[in-house]
């Protein structure tokens, strides 16, 4: 089946079975390997991307069911102009192994889009479905607060 997708602002036409998870289209067909495979059952959050601005688990979303433009970690910011979350992640040295971090950042971006000044409880609630085997949760929370402050300062 031919499926038209907009990924990070670029239109793509992919020829895959309609039930192919978006994750595999991103990684195997388009070469966007920033989105990670973790559990395959939408429980860990490593595969989190945005579809039409909403955080979703790409391992369980069939490519044929994508309802809007997709943003991956590669499209969130750039090397020259990182997203406030990406910059805060570096400042707070959040990543240890780093495997879950793209999903963490994408989930956090969704949170900040909905709630520009989240409390610790808001962050914990929003991030509960994103697992970090290294346990960097306190640094994740601090980086989200830092990014929220930076985004509010930008206006």
N, C-alpha and C. Protein backbone atom coordinates (compact mmCIF):
# COMPACT_ATOMS: atom_id res chain seq x y z
N UNK A 1 0.85 -1.18 0.00
CA UNK A 1 0.00 0.00 0.00
C UNK A 1 0.89 1.24 0.00
N UNK A 2 0.51 2.23 -0.75
CA UNK A 2 1.23 3.49 -0.76
C UNK A 2 0.57 4.44 0.24
N UNK A 3 1.41 4.97 1.13
CA UNK A 3 0.93 5.86 2.19
C UNK A 3 1.69 7.17 2.10
N UNK A 4 0.95 8.27 2.13
CA UNK A 4 1.56 9.60 2.14
C UNK A 4 1.66 10.09 3.57
N UNK A 5 2.87 10.50 3.96
CA UNK A 5 3.13 10.99 5.31
C UNK A 5 3.93 12.28 5.23
N UNK A 6 3.68 13.17 6.16
CA UNK A 6 4.53 14.35 6.32
C UNK A 6 5.32 14.14 7.60
N UNK A 7 6.63 14.05 7.45
CA UNK A 7 7.53 13.79 8.57
C UNK A 7 8.49 14.97 8.68
N UNK A 8 8.48 15.63 9.82
CA UNK A 8 9.38 16.76 10.06
C UNK A 8 9.32 17.80 8.95
N UNK A 9 8.10 18.04 8.45
CA UNK A 9 7.88 19.05 7.43
C UNK A 9 8.15 18.61 6.01
N UNK A 10 8.56 17.38 5.80
CA UNK A 10 8.84 16.87 4.47
C UNK A 10 7.82 15.80 4.10
N UNK A 11 7.28 15.89 2.89
CA UNK A 11 6.32 14.90 2.43
C UNK A 11 7.05 13.65 1.94
N UNK A 12 6.51 12.50 2.34
CA UNK A 12 7.08 11.21 1.95
C UNK A 12 5.96 10.32 1.44
N UNK A 13 6.25 9.54 0.44
CA UNK A 13 5.35 8.50 -0.05
C UNK A 13 6.07 7.18 0.19
N UNK A 14 5.47 6.33 1.02
CA UNK A 14 6.10 5.05 1.35
C UNK A 14 5.21 3.91 0.89
N UNK A 15 5.84 2.85 0.48
CA UNK A 15 5.12 1.66 0.02
C UNK A 15 5.37 0.55 1.04
N UNK A 16 4.43 0.41 1.96
CA UNK A 16 4.53 -0.57 3.04
C UNK A 16 3.15 -1.17 3.28
N UNK A 17 3.08 -2.36 3.89
CA UNK A 17 1.78 -2.86 4.29
C UNK A 17 1.11 -1.87 5.25
N UNK A 18 -0.20 -1.71 5.13
CA UNK A 18 -0.91 -0.68 5.91
C UNK A 18 -0.77 -0.86 7.40
N UNK A 19 -0.54 -2.08 7.88
CA UNK A 19 -0.42 -2.33 9.32
C UNK A 19 1.00 -2.10 9.84
N UNK A 20 1.92 -1.72 8.98
CA UNK A 20 3.30 -1.48 9.41
C UNK A 20 3.32 -0.36 10.45
N UNK A 21 3.90 -0.62 11.62
CA UNK A 21 3.98 0.45 12.62
C UNK A 21 4.77 1.65 12.11
N UNK A 22 4.31 2.83 12.48
CA UNK A 22 5.00 4.06 12.11
C UNK A 22 6.47 4.00 12.51
N UNK A 23 6.77 3.41 13.65
CA UNK A 23 8.15 3.29 14.11
C UNK A 23 9.04 2.68 13.04
N UNK A 24 8.58 1.60 12.41
CA UNK A 24 9.42 0.92 11.42
C UNK A 24 9.50 1.70 10.12
N UNK A 25 8.46 2.47 9.80
CA UNK A 25 8.55 3.34 8.64
C UNK A 25 9.62 4.40 8.89
N UNK A 26 9.57 5.00 10.09
CA UNK A 26 10.56 6.04 10.42
C UNK A 26 11.98 5.49 10.38
N UNK A 27 12.21 4.38 11.07
CA UNK A 27 13.56 3.84 11.22
C UNK A 27 14.05 3.11 9.96
N UNK A 28 13.26 2.16 9.48
CA UNK A 28 13.74 1.27 8.42
C UNK A 28 13.54 1.81 7.01
N UNK A 29 12.46 2.55 6.79
CA UNK A 29 12.18 3.06 5.45
C UNK A 29 12.81 4.43 5.25
N UNK A 30 12.66 5.31 6.24
CA UNK A 30 13.14 6.69 6.09
C UNK A 30 14.50 6.96 6.73
N UNK A 31 15.02 6.02 7.51
CA UNK A 31 16.35 6.19 8.11
C UNK A 31 16.41 7.17 9.25
N UNK A 32 15.27 7.48 9.86
CA UNK A 32 15.23 8.39 11.01
C UNK A 32 15.33 7.54 12.27
N UNK A 33 16.55 7.32 12.72
CA UNK A 33 16.80 6.36 13.80
C UNK A 33 16.81 6.98 15.20
N UNK A 34 16.46 8.24 15.32
CA UNK A 34 16.39 8.86 16.64
C UNK A 34 15.26 8.30 17.48
N UNK A 35 14.18 7.89 16.84
CA UNK A 35 13.06 7.26 17.54
C UNK A 35 13.45 5.82 17.79
N UNK A 36 13.36 5.39 19.04
CA UNK A 36 13.87 4.07 19.43
C UNK A 36 12.78 3.04 19.61
N UNK A 37 13.14 1.78 19.37
CA UNK A 37 12.29 0.65 19.70
C UNK A 37 12.65 0.22 21.11
N UNK A 38 11.65 0.17 21.97
CA UNK A 38 11.89 -0.26 23.35
C UNK A 38 11.18 -1.57 23.63
N UNK A 39 9.88 -1.49 23.85
CA UNK A 39 9.11 -2.67 24.27
C UNK A 39 8.23 -3.24 23.18
N UNK A 40 7.81 -2.42 22.23
CA UNK A 40 6.94 -2.88 21.17
C UNK A 40 5.46 -2.94 21.54
N UNK A 41 5.12 -2.59 22.78
CA UNK A 41 3.72 -2.64 23.21
C UNK A 41 3.25 -1.30 23.80
N UNK A 42 3.91 -0.22 23.48
CA UNK A 42 3.53 1.13 23.90
C UNK A 42 3.57 1.34 25.41
N UNK A 43 4.43 0.60 26.11
CA UNK A 43 4.52 0.71 27.56
C UNK A 43 5.72 1.49 28.06
N UNK A 44 6.74 1.69 27.23
CA UNK A 44 7.97 2.30 27.74
C UNK A 44 8.19 3.73 27.28
N UNK A 45 7.61 4.13 26.16
CA UNK A 45 7.74 5.51 25.68
C UNK A 45 8.96 5.81 24.84
N UNK A 46 9.84 4.84 24.61
CA UNK A 46 11.05 5.11 23.82
C UNK A 46 10.73 5.53 22.39
N UNK A 47 9.58 5.11 21.89
CA UNK A 47 9.21 5.37 20.49
C UNK A 47 8.32 6.60 20.34
N UNK A 48 8.23 7.44 21.35
CA UNK A 48 7.31 8.58 21.32
C UNK A 48 7.68 9.58 20.23
N UNK A 49 6.69 9.93 19.43
CA UNK A 49 6.78 10.99 18.42
C UNK A 49 5.52 11.84 18.57
N UNK A 50 5.44 12.90 17.80
CA UNK A 50 4.22 13.72 17.78
C UNK A 50 3.50 13.47 16.46
N UNK A 51 2.20 13.28 16.54
CA UNK A 51 1.34 13.27 15.36
C UNK A 51 0.35 14.40 15.54
N UNK A 52 0.41 15.34 14.63
CA UNK A 52 -0.45 16.53 14.70
C UNK A 52 -0.33 17.20 16.06
N UNK A 53 0.89 17.23 16.60
CA UNK A 53 1.18 17.92 17.86
C UNK A 53 0.93 17.11 19.11
N UNK A 54 0.47 15.88 18.98
CA UNK A 54 0.14 15.05 20.13
C UNK A 54 1.17 13.92 20.27
N UNK A 55 1.65 13.70 21.49
CA UNK A 55 2.60 12.61 21.75
C UNK A 55 1.89 11.27 21.57
N UNK A 56 2.48 10.40 20.76
CA UNK A 56 1.95 9.05 20.53
C UNK A 56 3.09 8.05 20.52
N UNK A 57 2.76 6.81 20.78
CA UNK A 57 3.73 5.71 20.73
C UNK A 57 3.73 5.15 19.32
N UNK A 58 4.80 5.36 18.61
CA UNK A 58 4.86 4.98 17.19
C UNK A 58 4.96 3.47 16.97
N UNK A 59 5.28 2.71 18.01
CA UNK A 59 5.37 1.25 17.83
C UNK A 59 4.01 0.60 17.67
N UNK A 60 2.96 1.27 18.11
CA UNK A 60 1.62 0.70 18.05
C UNK A 60 0.68 1.48 17.13
N UNK A 61 1.20 2.44 16.40
CA UNK A 61 0.39 3.21 15.46
C UNK A 61 0.72 2.76 14.05
N UNK A 62 -0.26 2.17 13.38
CA UNK A 62 -0.06 1.74 12.00
C UNK A 62 0.15 2.97 11.11
N UNK A 63 1.07 2.85 10.17
CA UNK A 63 1.37 3.97 9.28
C UNK A 63 0.11 4.45 8.56
N UNK A 64 -0.78 3.54 8.20
CA UNK A 64 -2.01 3.91 7.50
C UNK A 64 -2.97 4.69 8.39
N UNK A 65 -2.77 4.64 9.70
CA UNK A 65 -3.66 5.32 10.63
C UNK A 65 -3.15 6.68 11.09
N UNK A 66 -2.01 7.12 10.59
CA UNK A 66 -1.46 8.43 10.97
C UNK A 66 -2.41 9.51 10.46
N UNK A 67 -2.84 10.41 11.33
CA UNK A 67 -3.89 11.38 11.01
C UNK A 67 -3.38 12.79 10.77
N UNK A 68 -2.08 13.01 10.85
CA UNK A 68 -1.57 14.37 10.65
C UNK A 68 -0.06 14.35 10.51
N UNK A 69 0.55 15.53 10.47
CA UNK A 69 2.00 15.60 10.33
C UNK A 69 2.71 14.98 11.54
N UNK A 70 3.82 14.34 11.27
CA UNK A 70 4.61 13.66 12.29
C UNK A 70 5.87 14.47 12.56
N UNK A 71 6.19 14.62 13.84
CA UNK A 71 7.46 15.24 14.24
C UNK A 71 8.21 14.21 15.07
N UNK A 72 9.45 13.97 14.69
CA UNK A 72 10.33 13.08 15.43
C UNK A 72 11.36 13.93 16.17
N UNK A 73 12.21 13.28 16.95
CA UNK A 73 13.27 14.00 17.66
C UNK A 73 14.15 14.77 16.67
N UNK A 74 14.34 14.22 15.47
CA UNK A 74 15.16 14.91 14.46
C UNK A 74 14.53 16.21 14.01
N UNK A 75 13.21 16.33 14.11
CA UNK A 75 12.51 17.53 13.65
C UNK A 75 12.16 18.50 14.76
N UNK A 76 12.45 18.14 16.00
CA UNK A 76 12.09 19.01 17.13
C UNK A 76 12.95 20.27 17.17
N UNK A 77 14.19 20.12 16.94
CA UNK A 77 15.14 21.24 16.91
C UNK A 77 16.20 20.93 15.88
N UNK A 78 17.25 21.70 15.87
CA UNK A 78 18.36 21.43 14.95
C UNK A 78 19.67 21.57 15.71
N UNK A 79 20.74 21.17 15.06
CA UNK A 79 22.06 21.29 15.67
C UNK A 79 22.38 22.76 15.97
N UNK A 80 21.97 23.64 15.05
CA UNK A 80 22.24 25.07 15.23
C UNK A 80 21.24 25.75 16.16
N UNK A 81 20.04 25.21 16.25
CA UNK A 81 18.99 25.81 17.08
C UNK A 81 18.23 24.70 17.80
N UNK A 82 18.85 24.11 18.84
CA UNK A 82 18.16 23.03 19.55
C UNK A 82 16.92 23.55 20.26
N UNK A 83 15.94 22.68 20.38
CA UNK A 83 14.74 23.00 21.16
C UNK A 83 15.18 23.26 22.60
N UNK A 84 14.42 24.06 23.31
CA UNK A 84 14.75 24.38 24.71
C UNK A 84 14.92 23.12 25.55
N UNK A 85 14.12 22.09 25.27
CA UNK A 85 14.27 20.83 26.01
C UNK A 85 15.59 20.14 25.70
N UNK A 86 15.97 20.14 24.45
CA UNK A 86 17.24 19.51 24.08
C UNK A 86 18.41 20.22 24.75
N UNK A 87 18.37 21.53 24.78
CA UNK A 87 19.43 22.30 25.44
C UNK A 87 19.43 22.05 26.95
N UNK A 88 18.24 21.97 27.55
CA UNK A 88 18.15 21.71 28.99
C UNK A 88 18.64 20.31 29.31
N UNK A 89 18.36 19.35 28.44
CA UNK A 89 18.83 17.97 28.65
C UNK A 89 20.35 17.95 28.73
N UNK A 90 21.00 18.72 27.89
CA UNK A 90 22.47 18.77 27.90
C UNK A 90 22.95 19.47 29.16
N UNK A 91 22.36 20.62 29.48
CA UNK A 91 22.78 21.36 30.68
C UNK A 91 22.66 20.53 31.95
N UNK A 92 21.61 19.73 32.03
CA UNK A 92 21.37 18.94 33.24
C UNK A 92 21.96 17.53 33.15
N UNK A 93 22.66 17.27 32.07
CA UNK A 93 23.30 15.96 31.86
C UNK A 93 22.32 14.83 32.17
N UNK A 94 21.14 14.92 31.56
CA UNK A 94 20.07 13.96 31.83
C UNK A 94 20.45 12.56 31.38
N UNK A 95 20.95 12.45 30.18
CA UNK A 95 21.16 11.12 29.60
C UNK A 95 22.31 10.38 30.28
N UNK A 96 22.05 9.13 30.58
CA UNK A 96 23.13 8.22 30.98
C UNK A 96 23.36 7.30 29.80
N UNK A 97 22.56 6.26 29.66
CA UNK A 97 22.73 5.42 28.47
C UNK A 97 22.15 6.14 27.26
N UNK A 98 21.11 6.97 27.47
CA UNK A 98 20.54 7.79 26.40
C UNK A 98 19.45 7.13 25.59
N UNK A 99 19.22 5.85 25.77
CA UNK A 99 18.30 5.14 24.89
C UNK A 99 16.89 5.70 24.92
N UNK A 100 16.38 6.03 26.08
CA UNK A 100 15.00 6.49 26.21
C UNK A 100 14.84 7.98 25.96
N UNK A 101 15.92 8.70 25.82
CA UNK A 101 15.87 10.16 25.89
C UNK A 101 15.09 10.82 24.78
N UNK A 102 15.12 10.31 23.55
CA UNK A 102 14.33 10.96 22.51
C UNK A 102 12.84 10.87 22.84
N UNK A 103 12.41 9.72 23.33
CA UNK A 103 11.00 9.59 23.74
C UNK A 103 10.67 10.47 24.93
N UNK A 104 11.60 10.57 25.86
CA UNK A 104 11.39 11.45 27.02
C UNK A 104 11.22 12.90 26.56
N UNK A 105 12.09 13.35 25.69
CA UNK A 105 12.04 14.73 25.21
C UNK A 105 10.75 14.99 24.44
N UNK A 106 10.34 14.05 23.59
CA UNK A 106 9.12 14.24 22.82
C UNK A 106 7.89 14.29 23.74
N UNK A 107 7.86 13.46 24.77
CA UNK A 107 6.76 13.50 25.73
C UNK A 107 6.77 14.81 26.50
N UNK A 108 7.96 15.27 26.89
CA UNK A 108 8.08 16.53 27.62
C UNK A 108 7.66 17.71 26.75
N UNK A 109 7.97 17.66 25.46
CA UNK A 109 7.56 18.74 24.55
C UNK A 109 6.04 18.82 24.46
N UNK A 110 5.39 17.66 24.44
CA UNK A 110 3.92 17.64 24.44
C UNK A 110 3.39 18.25 25.74
N UNK A 111 3.99 17.89 26.86
CA UNK A 111 3.59 18.45 28.15
C UNK A 111 3.70 19.97 28.13
N UNK A 112 4.85 20.50 27.71
CA UNK A 112 5.06 21.95 27.74
C UNK A 112 4.16 22.68 26.74
N UNK A 113 3.77 22.02 25.66
CA UNK A 113 2.83 22.63 24.72
C UNK A 113 1.45 22.79 25.36
N UNK A 114 1.11 21.88 26.25
CA UNK A 114 -0.20 21.93 26.92
C UNK A 114 -0.15 22.71 28.24
N UNK A 115 0.99 22.68 28.90
CA UNK A 115 1.13 23.28 30.23
C UNK A 115 2.51 23.94 30.30
N UNK A 116 2.60 25.23 30.00
CA UNK A 116 3.90 25.89 29.94
C UNK A 116 4.61 26.08 31.28
N UNK A 117 3.90 25.86 32.38
CA UNK A 117 4.51 26.02 33.71
C UNK A 117 4.09 24.84 34.60
N UNK A 118 4.55 23.64 34.28
CA UNK A 118 4.10 22.47 35.03
C UNK A 118 4.72 22.38 36.42
N UNK A 119 3.94 21.85 37.35
CA UNK A 119 4.45 21.55 38.69
C UNK A 119 5.19 20.21 38.63
N UNK A 120 5.85 19.86 39.72
CA UNK A 120 6.49 18.54 39.79
C UNK A 120 5.45 17.44 39.57
N UNK A 121 4.29 17.59 40.17
CA UNK A 121 3.23 16.57 40.02
C UNK A 121 2.75 16.49 38.57
N UNK A 122 2.63 17.64 37.89
CA UNK A 122 2.24 17.64 36.48
C UNK A 122 3.27 16.89 35.64
N UNK A 123 4.54 17.16 35.92
CA UNK A 123 5.61 16.49 35.18
C UNK A 123 5.58 15.00 35.45
N UNK A 124 5.47 14.61 36.70
CA UNK A 124 5.44 13.19 37.04
C UNK A 124 4.27 12.49 36.36
N UNK A 125 3.10 13.12 36.35
CA UNK A 125 1.93 12.53 35.70
C UNK A 125 2.14 12.38 34.20
N UNK A 126 2.62 13.45 33.56
CA UNK A 126 2.79 13.43 32.11
C UNK A 126 3.88 12.45 31.66
N UNK A 127 4.90 12.30 32.49
CA UNK A 127 6.05 11.49 32.10
C UNK A 127 5.97 10.05 32.61
N UNK A 128 4.90 9.71 33.31
CA UNK A 128 4.80 8.39 33.95
C UNK A 128 4.91 7.23 32.97
N UNK A 129 4.50 7.41 31.73
CA UNK A 129 4.55 6.33 30.75
C UNK A 129 5.87 6.22 30.01
N UNK A 130 6.84 7.05 30.38
CA UNK A 130 8.16 7.00 29.75
C UNK A 130 9.16 6.48 30.78
N UNK A 131 9.68 5.31 30.51
CA UNK A 131 10.56 4.65 31.47
C UNK A 131 12.03 4.93 31.17
N UNK A 132 12.79 5.08 32.23
CA UNK A 132 14.24 5.27 32.14
C UNK A 132 14.90 4.22 33.02
N UNK A 133 15.57 3.28 32.40
CA UNK A 133 16.21 2.21 33.17
C UNK A 133 17.37 2.73 34.01
N UNK A 134 17.92 3.87 33.63
CA UNK A 134 19.03 4.44 34.38
C UNK A 134 18.55 5.24 35.60
N UNK A 135 17.27 5.57 35.62
CA UNK A 135 16.72 6.28 36.78
C UNK A 135 17.04 7.76 36.84
N UNK A 136 17.12 8.41 35.70
CA UNK A 136 17.48 9.83 35.70
C UNK A 136 16.26 10.74 35.86
N UNK A 137 15.25 10.28 36.55
CA UNK A 137 13.98 11.01 36.68
C UNK A 137 14.13 12.38 37.32
N UNK A 138 14.97 12.52 38.32
CA UNK A 138 15.11 13.85 38.96
C UNK A 138 15.76 14.84 38.00
N UNK A 139 16.71 14.38 37.19
CA UNK A 139 17.33 15.27 36.20
C UNK A 139 16.35 15.59 35.08
N UNK A 140 15.50 14.62 34.70
CA UNK A 140 14.47 14.86 33.68
C UNK A 140 13.54 15.97 34.18
N UNK A 141 13.08 15.85 35.42
CA UNK A 141 12.18 16.86 35.99
C UNK A 141 12.86 18.23 36.01
N UNK A 142 14.11 18.28 36.45
CA UNK A 142 14.82 19.56 36.50
C UNK A 142 14.98 20.16 35.10
N UNK A 143 15.28 19.33 34.13
CA UNK A 143 15.45 19.83 32.76
C UNK A 143 14.12 20.35 32.20
N UNK A 144 13.03 19.69 32.52
CA UNK A 144 11.72 20.17 32.05
C UNK A 144 11.41 21.53 32.66
N UNK A 145 11.66 21.69 33.95
CA UNK A 145 11.45 23.00 34.60
C UNK A 145 12.34 24.06 33.94
N UNK A 146 13.59 23.72 33.68
CA UNK A 146 14.53 24.64 33.06
C UNK A 146 14.04 25.05 31.67
N UNK A 147 13.61 24.06 30.88
CA UNK A 147 13.11 24.35 29.54
C UNK A 147 11.85 25.19 29.59
N UNK A 148 10.96 24.91 30.54
CA UNK A 148 9.74 25.71 30.69
C UNK A 148 10.10 27.17 30.96
N UNK A 149 11.06 27.40 31.84
CA UNK A 149 11.50 28.76 32.14
C UNK A 149 12.08 29.43 30.88
N UNK A 150 12.90 28.68 30.14
CA UNK A 150 13.51 29.23 28.92
C UNK A 150 12.46 29.57 27.87
N UNK A 151 11.48 28.72 27.71
CA UNK A 151 10.41 28.97 26.73
C UNK A 151 9.56 30.16 27.14
N UNK A 152 9.28 30.30 28.44
CA UNK A 152 8.51 31.46 28.90
C UNK A 152 9.30 32.74 28.72
N UNK A 153 10.61 32.69 28.92
CA UNK A 153 11.46 33.88 28.74
C UNK A 153 11.50 34.30 27.26
N UNK A 154 11.43 33.30 26.36
CA UNK A 154 11.41 33.62 24.92
C UNK A 154 10.13 34.31 24.52
N UNK A 155 9.07 34.07 25.31
CA UNK A 155 7.79 34.74 25.08
C UNK A 155 6.96 34.06 24.10
